[in-house]
Amino acid sequence: MRVLRLRRTLGALLALGLVGGSVSCTAAHGDDARPGDDPPAAPAPFERLLPAPVSARAEGPGYSFGAGTVIRTGRGADEEVRRVGELLAEQLRGPSGLPLPVVDGAQGDGIRLRIDEAADGLGDEGYRLESGPDGITLTARTPAGLFRAGQTLRQLVPVAGPGTVPGGTVTDRPRFAYRGAMVDIARHFFSVEQVKRYVDQLAQYKVNTLHLHLTDDQGWRLAVDSWPRLAEYGGGSEVGGGPGGHWTKGEYRDLVAYAGERYVDVVPEIDMPGHVNAALASYPELNCDGKAPARYTGTKVGFSSLCVAKERTYEFIDEVLGELAALTPGRYLHIGGDEAHVTPAADYAAFMDRAQAVVGRHGKTVMAWHQLATARPAQGAVLQYWGHDKTSDADRAAVVAAAKAGHPLVLSPADRLYLDMKYEAATKPGLAWAGYVPVKRSYSWNPGAYLAGVPESAVLGVEAPLWTENVATRADWELMAFPRVLGLAELGWSPAGSLDWTSYSRRLAAQQPRLDAQGIGFYRAPEVPWAR
């Protein structure tokens, strides 16, 4: 049996391209482990990389990373490449205090950043990392690719700072263009600084999209000049009766710029026509009867709706989305569209027609939850599927039909990627309406073959939402997100043939020192071989 386990481990590593001609095997730890087995040996540096790269080969002596290391941005480097170098230096310094100066020029040892627009097979985010005794060269077609290469290098540098970066080559590119995480700041309000912290945590694992759920029944979180009472009054509540809060436009711009420097696009969401009690409470004219409801601090869904028949409703949408579009350089505006239970189907379709047209007039592409598939999605609209095992056949069929008609899908199945679902019954924060979602279940599925009838070419990517009905603190947030969001990162980036739980669980466990060093209070999933 031990020989069989060794072969299985070797097979998983070969599938990842993580071993070359000389192989040292240890017993598997995961599905094949048995009581009394020795704990697994620590994986070699290239075997620890997460997400798993397209190919990685350890070869020859490594590079001595330390006080004399210089980051070289190349001769005549443009401002963006230099900014990538400065940010990489900041990230690599960490607590070590190493100087890591950033200089122009390509000659000499150290860490060399190289743009090669003719580099084959790398795409817009791919890269090549080459390490040897004279230095490390990061090559990409774009600055975004250089940034992704730098995040891989961070995993090869010892957590404590000085040490040896192993010799070898990594060649890598993403499987899906969209690799996202969503955070709901409407149910419980969170500061821009906390969201920035999440951006940094996500970007180091090559997540490239941050979806912000900015409005809901419980609160409106972004200032809007043309409708100031939305934030001033509608932002003053949250689940449980807390004080709520909102971001100024300046704070939002600052977050968008911060994310952009880390090659993370922001997708803002204004949910409609449902999930709008905070807006209805702020402006009576948005209600069909002209009367404002009280602010809401509970957790029920599906009870509110904008007044579809009023022209004032569409003036509101145009002005709000217009201001948001002007603040957001990214491609998408998300208009929600989910759980509009009190909006008749015909009214819902008519409303979404007009809301989608507003998005187009402001130069953006529509994103919406998958319920838009039951209406008339605009050309190019992206649908975000949050269904699960109990989703109705009719809803699933509508999504499949939309995909076949050319609408890209972002997959966020609630029983796989909803980060607010409990790991197990004993998990204190979180919900369980989609079932418990342990770390292994969250990881163990193939986005390219998830929906029958939808080819991988129709899948734009994956996203892990974190709803905050009962996630109220940073500690709750990080416990629910980590380590599951790292599985999201791998599902979005790594080749389908690399998705293997036994290999992944070992690589996930190898991230423990990094997570600990960053003060991330993650869930110690029992199915992962963490260090004792």
Protein backbone atom coordinates (compact mmCIF):
# COMPACT_ATOMS: atom_id res chain seq x y z
CA MET A 1 0.00 0.00 0.00
CA ARG A 2 2.85 2.42 0.77
CA VAL A 3 4.31 1.83 -2.72
CA LEU A 4 0.92 2.63 -4.23
CA ARG A 5 0.73 5.87 -2.23
CA LEU A 6 4.21 6.85 -3.38
CA ARG A 7 3.21 6.31 -7.00
CA ARG A 8 0.09 8.42 -6.57
CA THR A 9 2.08 11.28 -5.08
CA LEU A 10 4.65 11.10 -7.86
CA GLY A 11 1.85 11.09 -10.44
CA ALA A 12 0.32 14.24 -8.99
CA LEU A 13 3.68 16.04 -9.02
CA LEU A 14 4.42 14.96 -12.58
CA ALA A 15 1.00 16.23 -13.67
CA LEU A 16 1.94 19.62 -12.24
CA GLY A 17 5.31 19.63 -13.98
CA LEU A 18 6.95 20.12 -10.59
CA VAL A 19 9.60 17.43 -10.82
CA GLY A 20 12.34 16.83 -13.32
CA GLY A 21 14.65 13.93 -13.92
CA SER A 22 15.62 13.43 -10.28
CA VAL A 23 12.75 12.73 -7.92
CA SER A 24 12.58 12.29 -4.16
CA CYS A 25 9.23 10.92 -2.99
CA THR A 26 7.52 10.93 0.36
CA ALA A 27 4.32 9.25 1.48
CA ALA A 28 1.10 11.02 0.52
CA HIS A 29 -0.86 12.79 3.22
CA GLY A 30 -4.53 13.33 2.43
CA ASP A 31 -7.06 10.92 0.96
CA ASP A 32 -4.51 8.07 1.02
CA ALA A 33 -3.12 8.68 4.51
CA ARG A 34 -3.54 6.00 7.16
CA PRO A 35 -3.25 6.14 10.97
CA GLY A 36 0.36 5.67 11.93
CA ASP A 37 1.79 7.09 8.69
CA ASP A 38 4.75 9.40 9.14
CA PRO A 39 3.85 13.07 8.59
CA PRO A 40 4.66 14.23 5.07
CA ALA A 41 8.05 15.72 4.39
CA ALA A 42 7.99 19.44 3.64
CA PRO A 43 7.62 19.94 -0.12
CA ALA A 44 10.51 21.48 -2.03
CA PRO A 45 10.14 25.20 -2.85
CA PHE A 46 8.84 24.76 -6.42
CA GLU A 47 6.36 22.17 -5.10
CA ARG A 48 4.92 24.73 -2.66
CA LEU A 49 3.78 27.26 -5.26
CA LEU A 50 0.12 28.23 -5.07
CA PRO A 51 -1.64 28.57 -7.46
CA ALA A 52 0.07 25.66 -9.21
CA PRO A 53 1.97 27.02 -12.22
CA VAL A 54 1.76 25.67 -15.75
CA SER A 55 5.29 24.36 -15.38
CA ALA A 56 8.07 24.58 -12.80
CA ARG A 57 11.47 22.91 -12.89
CA ALA A 58 14.13 23.05 -10.20
CA GLU A 59 17.58 23.04 -11.80
CA GLY A 60 21.07 24.06 -10.76
CA PRO A 61 22.26 26.25 -7.90
CA GLY A 62 20.07 29.02 -6.57
CA TYR A 63 20.43 32.74 -5.91
CA SER A 64 21.55 34.17 -2.57
CA PHE A 65 18.88 36.74 -1.66
CA GLY A 66 20.06 39.20 0.94
CA ALA A 67 21.44 42.62 1.82
CA GLY A 68 23.23 43.05 -1.51
CA THR A 69 20.22 42.28 -3.71
CA VAL A 70 19.18 44.97 -6.18
CA ILE A 71 15.99 45.12 -8.25
CA ARG A 72 16.77 46.16 -11.83
CA THR A 73 13.93 47.53 -13.98
CA GLY A 74 15.78 47.49 -17.30
CA ARG A 75 17.27 50.19 -19.46
CA GLY A 76 14.79 52.99 -20.15
CA ALA A 77 12.08 51.33 -18.08
CA ASP A 78 8.77 53.13 -18.16
CA GLU A 79 7.05 54.47 -15.06
CA GLU A 80 4.72 51.48 -14.72
CA VAL A 81 7.52 48.92 -14.73
CA ARG A 82 9.41 50.95 -12.17
CA ARG A 83 6.28 51.08 -10.00
CA VAL A 84 6.06 47.27 -10.20
CA GLY A 85 9.67 47.10 -9.06
CA GLU A 86 9.11 49.49 -6.16
CA LEU A 87 6.06 47.54 -4.97
CA LEU A 88 7.94 44.24 -5.26
CA ALA A 89 10.79 45.69 -3.21
CA GLU A 90 8.32 46.78 -0.52
CA GLN A 91 6.72 43.31 -0.47
CA LEU A 92 10.05 41.45 -0.34
CA ARG A 93 11.45 43.63 2.42
CA GLY A 94 8.65 42.62 4.74
CA PRO A 95 9.95 42.58 8.30
CA SER A 96 13.54 41.85 7.22
CA GLY A 97 14.68 45.44 6.75
CA LEU A 98 16.65 44.59 3.60
CA PRO A 99 17.44 47.72 1.52
CA LEU A 100 16.46 46.24 -1.90
CA PRO A 101 17.14 49.39 -3.95
CA VAL A 102 15.34 49.71 -7.31
CA VAL A 103 17.61 50.89 -10.12
CA ASP A 104 17.41 51.32 -13.88
CA GLY A 105 19.45 49.11 -16.16
CA ALA A 106 19.47 45.45 -17.02
CA GLN A 107 23.11 44.51 -16.37
CA GLY A 108 24.34 42.98 -13.13
CA ASP A 109 23.09 40.47 -10.63
CA GLY A 110 19.95 40.78 -8.55
CA ILE A 111 16.29 40.64 -9.54
CA ARG A 112 15.82 41.73 -13.15
CA LEU A 113 12.43 42.84 -14.52
CA ARG A 114 12.13 42.39 -18.28
CA ILE A 115 9.30 43.30 -20.65
CA ASP A 116 9.33 41.24 -23.86
CA GLU A 117 6.24 41.95 -25.95
CA ALA A 118 7.20 39.14 -28.33
CA ALA A 119 7.37 36.45 -25.62
CA ASP A 120 5.37 33.49 -26.89
CA GLY A 121 2.59 31.81 -24.95
CA LEU A 122 2.48 34.13 -21.96
CA GLY A 123 -0.56 36.27 -22.76
CA ASP A 124 -1.39 39.44 -20.83
CA GLU A 125 -0.77 38.03 -17.34
CA GLY A 126 1.70 35.21 -17.90
CA TYR A 127 5.40 35.28 -17.10
CA ARG A 128 8.64 33.37 -16.96
CA LEU A 129 10.80 33.26 -13.82
CA GLU A 130 14.41 32.10 -14.16
CA SER A 131 16.63 31.73 -11.11
CA GLY A 132 20.34 31.00 -10.93
CA PRO A 133 23.45 31.99 -8.98
CA ASP A 134 23.82 35.30 -10.85
CA GLY A 135 20.28 36.47 -10.17
CA ILE A 136 16.60 36.11 -10.97
CA THR A 137 15.01 37.26 -14.22
CA LEU A 138 11.28 37.94 -14.44
CA THR A 139 10.02 38.18 -18.02
CA ALA A 140 6.51 39.13 -19.17
CA ARG A 141 4.74 40.76 -22.08
CA THR A 142 3.06 43.32 -19.80
CA PRO A 143 3.62 44.99 -16.42
CA ALA A 144 0.68 42.95 -15.09
CA GLY A 145 2.60 39.79 -15.96
CA LEU A 146 5.68 41.14 -14.18
CA PHE A 147 3.57 41.77 -11.10
CA ARG A 148 2.24 38.19 -11.16
CA ALA A 149 5.83 36.93 -11.52
CA GLY A 150 6.79 38.95 -8.47
CA GLN A 151 4.08 37.27 -6.42
CA THR A 152 5.50 33.87 -7.36
CA LEU A 153 8.97 35.06 -6.37
CA ARG A 154 7.60 36.07 -2.96
CA GLN A 155 6.72 32.41 -2.32
CA LEU A 156 10.25 31.31 -3.23
CA VAL A 157 11.94 33.82 -0.92
CA PRO A 158 12.21 32.66 2.71
CA VAL A 159 9.47 34.19 4.86
CA ALA A 160 12.04 35.59 7.29
CA GLY A 161 13.97 37.42 4.57
CA PRO A 162 17.57 36.53 3.57
CA GLY A 163 18.20 33.07 2.17
CA THR A 164 18.50 31.10 -1.04
CA VAL A 165 15.98 31.25 -3.86
CA PRO A 166 16.21 27.84 -5.56
CA GLY A 167 17.57 27.59 -9.07
CA GLY A 168 15.15 26.73 -11.84
CA THR A 169 12.45 28.03 -14.17
CA VAL A 170 8.73 28.71 -13.82
CA THR A 171 6.63 29.35 -16.92
CA ASP A 172 3.08 30.34 -16.17
CA ARG A 173 -0.18 31.90 -17.40
CA PRO A 174 -3.79 31.89 -16.15
CA ARG A 175 -6.52 29.47 -17.16
CA PHE A 176 -9.34 32.03 -16.78
CA ALA A 177 -9.27 35.79 -17.37
CA TYR A 178 -11.55 36.61 -14.40
CA ARG A 179 -10.46 35.50 -10.94
CA GLY A 180 -12.49 37.36 -8.38
CA ALA A 181 -13.55 37.78 -4.79
CA MET A 182 -16.56 39.74 -3.59
CA VAL A 183 -17.11 41.45 -0.27
CA ASP A 184 -20.46 42.72 0.98
CA ILE A 185 -20.00 45.98 2.91
CA ALA A 186 -23.75 46.68 2.92
CA ARG A 187 -24.97 44.22 5.55
CA HIS A 188 -22.07 45.12 7.85
CA PHE A 189 -19.96 48.17 7.08
CA PHE A 190 -16.18 47.82 6.70
CA SER A 191 -13.56 50.51 6.22
CA VAL A 192 -11.52 51.11 3.09
CA GLU A 193 -8.39 50.11 5.04
CA GLN A 194 -9.81 46.66 5.76
CA VAL A 195 -10.70 46.20 2.10
CA LYS A 196 -7.19 47.28 1.09
CA ARG A 197 -5.83 44.59 3.38
CA TYR A 198 -7.96 42.06 1.50
CA VAL A 199 -6.72 43.37 -1.84
CA ASP A 200 -3.14 42.66 -0.76
CA GLN A 201 -4.09 39.22 0.51
CA LEU A 202 -5.81 38.37 -2.76
CA ALA A 203 -3.28 39.84 -5.16
CA GLN A 204 -0.41 37.75 -3.79
CA TYR A 205 -2.29 34.66 -5.01
CA LYS A 206 -3.04 36.17 -8.46
CA VAL A 207 -6.71 37.07 -7.86
CA ASN A 208 -7.35 39.96 -10.25
CA THR A 209 -10.89 41.22 -9.49
CA LEU A 210 -12.55 42.73 -6.42
CA HIS A 211 -16.36 42.85 -6.58
CA LEU A 212 -17.85 45.32 -4.08
CA HIS A 213 -21.47 44.83 -3.01
CA LEU A 214 -22.07 48.47 -2.08
CA THR A 215 -25.82 48.62 -1.46
CA ASP A 216 -28.56 46.49 0.02
CA ASP A 217 -31.62 46.68 2.23
CA GLN A 218 -29.49 47.31 5.31
CA GLY A 219 -27.26 50.09 4.06
CA TRP A 220 -26.03 52.32 1.23
CA ARG A 221 -22.25 52.62 1.43
CA LEU A 222 -21.05 55.09 -1.23
CA ALA A 223 -21.65 58.84 -1.37
CA VAL A 224 -23.58 60.02 -4.42
CA ASP A 225 -23.56 63.78 -5.05
CA SER A 226 -26.86 63.85 -6.92
CA TRP A 227 -28.65 61.84 -4.22
CA PRO A 228 -26.79 62.75 -0.99
CA ARG A 229 -29.32 61.28 1.44
CA LEU A 230 -28.49 57.76 0.17
CA ALA A 231 -25.25 57.73 2.15
CA GLU A 232 -26.14 60.30 4.82
CA TYR A 233 -29.32 58.51 5.91
CA GLY A 234 -29.35 55.17 4.06
CA GLY A 235 -25.79 54.48 5.18
CA GLY A 236 -26.64 54.91 8.85
CA SER A 237 -27.74 51.36 9.57
CA GLU A 238 -26.57 47.77 9.32
CA VAL A 239 -27.59 44.28 10.39
CA GLY A 240 -28.23 44.15 14.13
CA GLY A 241 -28.75 47.90 14.51
CA GLY A 242 -25.12 49.05 14.41
CA PRO A 243 -24.10 52.54 13.26
CA GLY A 244 -23.32 51.56 9.68
CA GLY A 245 -21.27 54.04 7.69
CA HIS A 246 -20.30 54.94 4.16
CA TRP A 247 -17.31 55.76 1.98
CA THR A 248 -16.73 59.16 0.46
CA LYS A 249 -15.98 59.39 -3.24
CA GLY A 250 -12.38 60.15 -2.35
CA GLU A 251 -12.08 57.00 -0.28
CA TYR A 252 -13.55 54.94 -3.12
CA ARG A 253 -11.13 56.50 -5.65
CA ASP A 254 -8.24 55.76 -3.30
CA LEU A 255 -9.27 52.10 -3.02
CA VAL A 256 -9.70 51.75 -6.78
CA ALA A 257 -6.23 53.23 -7.36
CA TYR A 258 -4.69 51.02 -4.66
CA ALA A 259 -6.22 47.91 -6.22
CA GLY A 260 -5.17 49.01 -9.71
CA GLU A 261 -1.53 49.28 -8.66
CA ARG A 262 -1.80 45.59 -7.72
CA TYR A 263 -3.53 44.75 -11.02
CA VAL A 264 -6.86 44.10 -9.33
CA ASP A 265 -9.90 45.53 -11.13
CA VAL A 266 -12.79 46.81 -9.03
CA VAL A 267 -16.34 45.81 -10.05
CA PRO A 268 -18.86 47.91 -8.08
CA GLU A 269 -22.39 46.63 -7.56
CA ILE A 270 -25.58 48.66 -7.05
CA ASP A 271 -28.19 45.94 -6.55
CA MET A 272 -31.58 46.50 -8.24
CA PRO A 273 -34.57 46.34 -8.55
CA GLY A 274 -34.63 44.42 -5.24
CA HIS A 275 -32.37 44.71 -2.18
CA VAL A 276 -33.10 48.47 -2.12
CA ASN A 277 -34.71 49.26 1.22
CA ALA A 278 -31.88 51.64 2.19
CA ALA A 279 -32.57 53.68 -0.96
CA LEU A 280 -36.35 53.57 -0.47
CA ALA A 281 -35.95 54.74 3.13
CA SER A 282 -33.79 57.64 1.96
CA TYR A 283 -36.05 58.95 -0.85
CA PRO A 284 -39.84 58.54 -0.67
CA GLU A 285 -40.23 59.29 -4.40
CA LEU A 286 -38.60 55.97 -5.25
CA ASN A 287 -41.57 54.18 -3.68
CA CYS A 288 -44.76 53.66 -5.69
CA ASP A 289 -46.85 55.08 -2.83
CA GLY A 290 -44.46 57.96 -2.13
CA LYS A 291 -43.94 56.83 1.45
CA ALA A 292 -40.51 55.91 2.84
CA PRO A 293 -40.21 52.68 4.85
CA ALA A 294 -38.15 52.51 8.03
CA ARG A 295 -34.49 51.59 7.79
CA TYR A 296 -33.96 47.83 8.00
CA THR A 297 -31.54 45.94 10.24
CA GLY A 298 -32.69 42.33 9.77
CA THR A 299 -31.52 39.64 7.36
CA LYS A 300 -34.59 38.71 5.28
CA VAL A 301 -34.35 39.11 1.50
CA GLY A 302 -36.70 39.68 -1.40
CA PHE A 303 -39.16 42.13 0.16
CA SER A 304 -38.14 45.45 -1.45
CA SER A 305 -38.36 46.84 -4.98
CA LEU A 306 -37.82 50.09 -6.83
CA CYS A 307 -41.00 51.42 -8.44
CA VAL A 308 -40.79 50.11 -11.99
CA ALA A 309 -43.58 52.38 -13.30
CA LYS A 310 -42.05 55.72 -12.26
CA GLU A 311 -39.78 57.71 -14.57
CA ARG A 312 -38.12 59.10 -11.47
CA THR A 313 -36.74 55.61 -10.86
CA TYR A 314 -34.81 55.70 -14.13
CA GLU A 315 -33.52 59.22 -13.48
CA PHE A 316 -32.21 57.86 -10.19
CA ILE A 317 -30.51 54.90 -11.88
CA ASP A 318 -28.95 57.08 -14.57
CA GLU A 319 -27.52 59.58 -12.10
CA VAL A 320 -26.24 56.99 -9.62
CA LEU A 321 -24.67 54.72 -12.24
CA GLY A 322 -23.29 57.72 -14.10
CA GLU A 323 -21.38 58.91 -11.04
CA LEU A 324 -20.19 55.38 -10.30
CA ALA A 325 -19.02 54.84 -13.88
CA ALA A 326 -17.00 58.06 -13.74
CA LEU A 327 -15.25 56.82 -10.57
CA THR A 328 -14.50 53.33 -11.89
CA PRO A 329 -11.94 52.75 -14.66
CA GLY A 330 -12.76 49.04 -14.97
CA ARG A 331 -14.95 47.51 -17.64
CA TYR A 332 -17.92 46.33 -15.60
CA LEU A 333 -20.82 47.74 -13.59
CA HIS A 334 -22.74 45.11 -11.65
CA ILE A 335 -26.49 45.79 -11.32
CA GLY A 336 -27.47 42.84 -9.14
CA GLY A 337 -30.87 41.59 -10.28
CA ASP A 338 -31.17 38.76 -7.75
CA GLU A 339 -34.01 37.85 -5.40
CA ALA A 340 -36.47 40.43 -6.76
CA HIS A 341 -39.31 38.35 -5.34
CA VAL A 342 -41.91 41.13 -5.13
CA THR A 343 -41.26 42.43 -8.65
CA PRO A 344 -43.55 40.68 -11.20
CA ALA A 345 -41.65 38.88 -13.96
CA ALA A 346 -42.83 41.25 -16.72
CA ASP A 347 -41.89 44.30 -14.64
CA TYR A 348 -38.52 42.75 -13.81
CA ALA A 349 -37.72 42.20 -17.49
CA ALA A 350 -38.81 45.72 -18.44
CA PHE A 351 -36.80 47.23 -15.60
CA MET A 352 -33.66 45.30 -16.44
CA ASP A 353 -33.95 46.35 -20.10
CA ARG A 354 -33.78 49.99 -19.07
CA ALA A 355 -31.12 49.51 -16.38
CA GLN A 356 -28.85 47.66 -18.81
CA ALA A 357 -29.28 50.45 -21.37
CA VAL A 358 -28.12 52.96 -18.74
CA VAL A 359 -24.97 50.93 -18.11
CA GLY A 360 -24.23 50.92 -21.85
CA ARG A 361 -24.77 54.67 -22.17
CA HIS A 362 -22.12 55.21 -19.52
CA GLY A 363 -19.60 53.14 -21.45
CA LYS A 364 -19.62 50.03 -19.28
CA THR A 365 -20.47 46.36 -19.69
CA VAL A 366 -23.30 44.86 -17.66
CA MET A 367 -22.68 42.28 -14.97
CA ALA A 368 -25.60 40.81 -13.04
CA TRP A 369 -26.52 37.78 -10.99
CA HIS A 370 -27.78 34.85 -13.03
CA GLN A 371 -31.47 35.76 -12.60
CA LEU A 372 -30.93 38.18 -15.48
CA ALA A 373 -30.97 35.09 -17.72
CA THR A 374 -34.74 34.82 -17.09
CA ALA A 375 -35.23 38.27 -18.65
CA ARG A 376 -33.41 39.73 -21.68
CA PRO A 377 -29.66 40.05 -21.09
CA ALA A 378 -28.09 42.85 -23.12
CA GLN A 379 -25.52 41.94 -25.74
CA GLY A 380 -22.26 41.01 -24.00
CA ALA A 381 -23.78 41.03 -20.50
CA VAL A 382 -21.88 38.82 -18.05
CA LEU A 383 -23.96 36.56 -15.82
CA GLN A 384 -22.76 35.54 -12.37
CA TYR A 385 -24.09 32.10 -11.46
CA TRP A 386 -24.58 31.51 -7.74
CA GLY A 387 -26.71 28.37 -7.98
CA HIS A 388 -26.12 25.15 -6.09
CA ASP A 389 -27.38 21.58 -5.93
CA LYS A 390 -30.95 22.70 -5.19
CA THR A 391 -31.18 25.35 -7.91
CA SER A 392 -34.25 24.80 -10.07
CA ASP A 393 -33.91 23.13 -13.45
CA ALA A 394 -35.61 26.16 -15.04
CA ASP A 395 -33.06 28.63 -13.64
CA ARG A 396 -30.17 26.40 -14.64
CA ALA A 397 -31.60 25.93 -18.14
CA ALA A 398 -31.95 29.71 -18.56
CA VAL A 399 -28.29 30.19 -17.65
CA VAL A 400 -27.18 27.47 -20.05
CA ALA A 401 -29.26 29.05 -22.84
CA ALA A 402 -27.72 32.47 -22.13
CA ALA A 403 -24.22 30.98 -22.26
CA LYS A 404 -24.99 29.34 -25.59
CA ALA A 405 -26.25 32.72 -26.85
CA GLY A 406 -22.84 34.24 -26.14
CA HIS A 407 -23.10 35.58 -22.59
CA PRO A 408 -19.93 34.91 -20.56
CA LEU A 409 -20.39 33.29 -17.16
CA VAL A 410 -18.65 33.93 -13.87
CA LEU A 411 -19.17 30.91 -11.62
CA SER A 412 -19.84 31.41 -7.90
CA PRO A 413 -21.72 28.26 -6.86
CA ALA A 414 -22.97 28.85 -3.34
CA ASP A 415 -22.16 25.35 -2.13
CA ARG A 416 -18.56 25.68 -3.33
CA LEU A 417 -17.46 29.33 -3.32
CA TYR A 418 -19.71 31.26 -0.93
CA LEU A 419 -17.22 32.16 1.78
CA ASP A 420 -19.97 32.91 4.30
CA MET A 421 -21.08 29.27 4.34
CA LYS A 422 -19.94 27.49 7.50
CA TYR A 423 -17.12 24.96 7.24
CA GLU A 424 -18.97 22.70 9.68
CA ALA A 425 -21.72 22.88 12.27
CA ALA A 426 -19.34 24.23 14.93
CA THR A 427 -18.23 27.24 12.84
CA LYS A 428 -19.39 30.28 14.81
CA PRO A 429 -19.86 32.93 12.09
CA GLY A 430 -21.51 32.11 8.81
CA LEU A 431 -24.68 30.55 7.42
CA ALA A 432 -25.55 27.09 6.13
CA TRP A 433 -28.53 27.46 3.75
CA ALA A 434 -26.38 26.07 0.90
CA GLY A 435 -24.89 23.40 3.18
CA TYR A 436 -21.56 23.19 4.92
CA VAL A 437 -18.57 23.97 2.70
CA PRO A 438 -15.35 22.42 4.04
CA VAL A 439 -12.07 23.34 2.39
CA LYS A 440 -11.89 20.16 0.34
CA ARG A 441 -15.40 20.62 -1.09
CA SER A 442 -14.70 24.25 -1.94
CA TYR A 443 -11.67 23.20 -3.98
CA SER A 444 -12.75 19.89 -5.51
CA TRP A 445 -14.65 20.82 -8.68
CA ASN A 446 -13.82 21.82 -12.24
CA PRO A 447 -15.18 25.22 -13.38
CA GLY A 448 -14.73 24.29 -17.04
CA ALA A 449 -17.10 21.33 -16.72
CA TYR A 450 -19.38 22.49 -13.91
CA LEU A 451 -22.62 23.31 -15.77
CA ALA A 452 -23.80 20.61 -18.16
CA GLY A 453 -24.17 22.09 -21.62
CA VAL A 454 -21.79 25.02 -20.99
CA PRO A 455 -18.37 24.69 -22.64
CA GLU A 456 -15.27 25.98 -20.89
CA SER A 457 -14.98 28.68 -23.56
CA ALA A 458 -18.16 30.29 -22.15
CA VAL A 459 -16.69 30.54 -18.63
CA LEU A 460 -15.07 33.92 -18.07
CA GLY A 461 -13.88 32.84 -14.65
CA VAL A 462 -14.73 32.25 -11.00
CA GLU A 463 -15.51 34.40 -7.99
CA ALA A 464 -15.79 33.75 -4.25
CA PRO A 465 -18.37 36.03 -2.57
CA LEU A 466 -18.30 36.87 1.12
CA TRP A 467 -21.71 38.00 2.34
CA THR A 468 -21.75 39.68 5.74
CA GLU A 469 -25.17 39.14 7.32
CA ASN A 470 -23.36 37.74 10.36
CA VAL A 471 -19.74 38.53 9.52
CA ALA A 472 -19.11 41.68 11.52
CA THR A 473 -15.37 41.82 12.31
CA ARG A 474 -12.05 41.43 10.56
CA ALA A 475 -11.49 38.22 12.51
CA ASP A 476 -14.78 36.77 11.23
CA TRP A 477 -13.97 37.88 7.67
CA GLU A 478 -10.53 36.27 7.59
CA LEU A 479 -11.65 33.08 9.30
CA MET A 480 -14.35 32.54 6.67
CA ALA A 481 -12.24 33.59 3.68
CA PHE A 482 -9.02 31.77 4.54
CA PRO A 483 -7.99 29.27 3.45
CA ARG A 484 -10.91 28.76 1.02
CA VAL A 485 -10.13 31.83 -1.07
CA LEU A 486 -6.74 30.28 -1.89
CA GLY A 487 -8.61 27.40 -3.51
CA LEU A 488 -10.53 29.96 -5.57
CA ALA A 489 -7.21 31.42 -6.68
CA GLU A 490 -5.99 28.03 -7.90
CA LEU A 491 -9.28 27.13 -9.60
CA GLY A 492 -9.07 30.37 -11.55
CA TRP A 493 -5.38 30.29 -12.44
CA SER A 494 -4.04 26.74 -12.69
CA PRO A 495 -4.44 24.27 -15.58
CA ALA A 496 -7.32 21.81 -15.23
CA GLY A 497 -4.87 18.90 -15.17
CA SER A 498 -3.20 20.35 -12.06
CA LEU A 499 -6.31 20.28 -9.89
CA ASP A 500 -5.56 17.50 -7.42
CA TRP A 501 -6.63 17.60 -3.78
CA THR A 502 -3.69 15.64 -2.33
CA SER A 503 -1.15 17.88 -4.03
CA TYR A 504 -3.14 21.03 -3.27
CA SER A 505 -3.61 20.22 0.43
CA ARG A 506 0.17 19.88 0.85
CA ARG A 507 0.82 23.13 -0.98
CA LEU A 508 -1.89 24.85 1.06
CA ALA A 509 -0.30 23.63 4.29
CA ALA A 510 3.02 25.05 3.06
CA GLN A 511 1.43 28.53 3.02
CA GLN A 512 0.94 28.42 6.80
CA PRO A 513 4.14 30.33 7.70
CA ARG A 514 3.24 33.05 5.19
CA LEU A 515 -0.33 33.38 6.48
CA ASP A 516 0.91 33.43 10.07
CA ALA A 517 3.52 36.08 9.26
CA GLN A 518 0.78 38.27 7.78
CA GLY A 519 -1.42 37.88 10.84
CA ILE A 520 -4.23 36.16 8.95
CA GLY A 521 -6.46 34.25 11.35
CA PHE A 522 -7.35 31.34 9.07
CA TYR A 523 -9.39 28.20 9.73
CA ARG A 524 -7.23 25.15 10.51
CA ALA A 525 -9.16 22.74 8.32
CA PRO A 526 -8.70 19.21 9.68
CA GLU A 527 -8.34 17.76 6.17
CA VAL A 528 -5.18 19.85 5.53
CA PRO A 529 -1.77 18.66 6.91
CA TRP A 530 -0.86 21.87 8.72
CA ALA A 531 2.33 22.03 10.74
CA ARG A 532 1.68 21.06 14.34
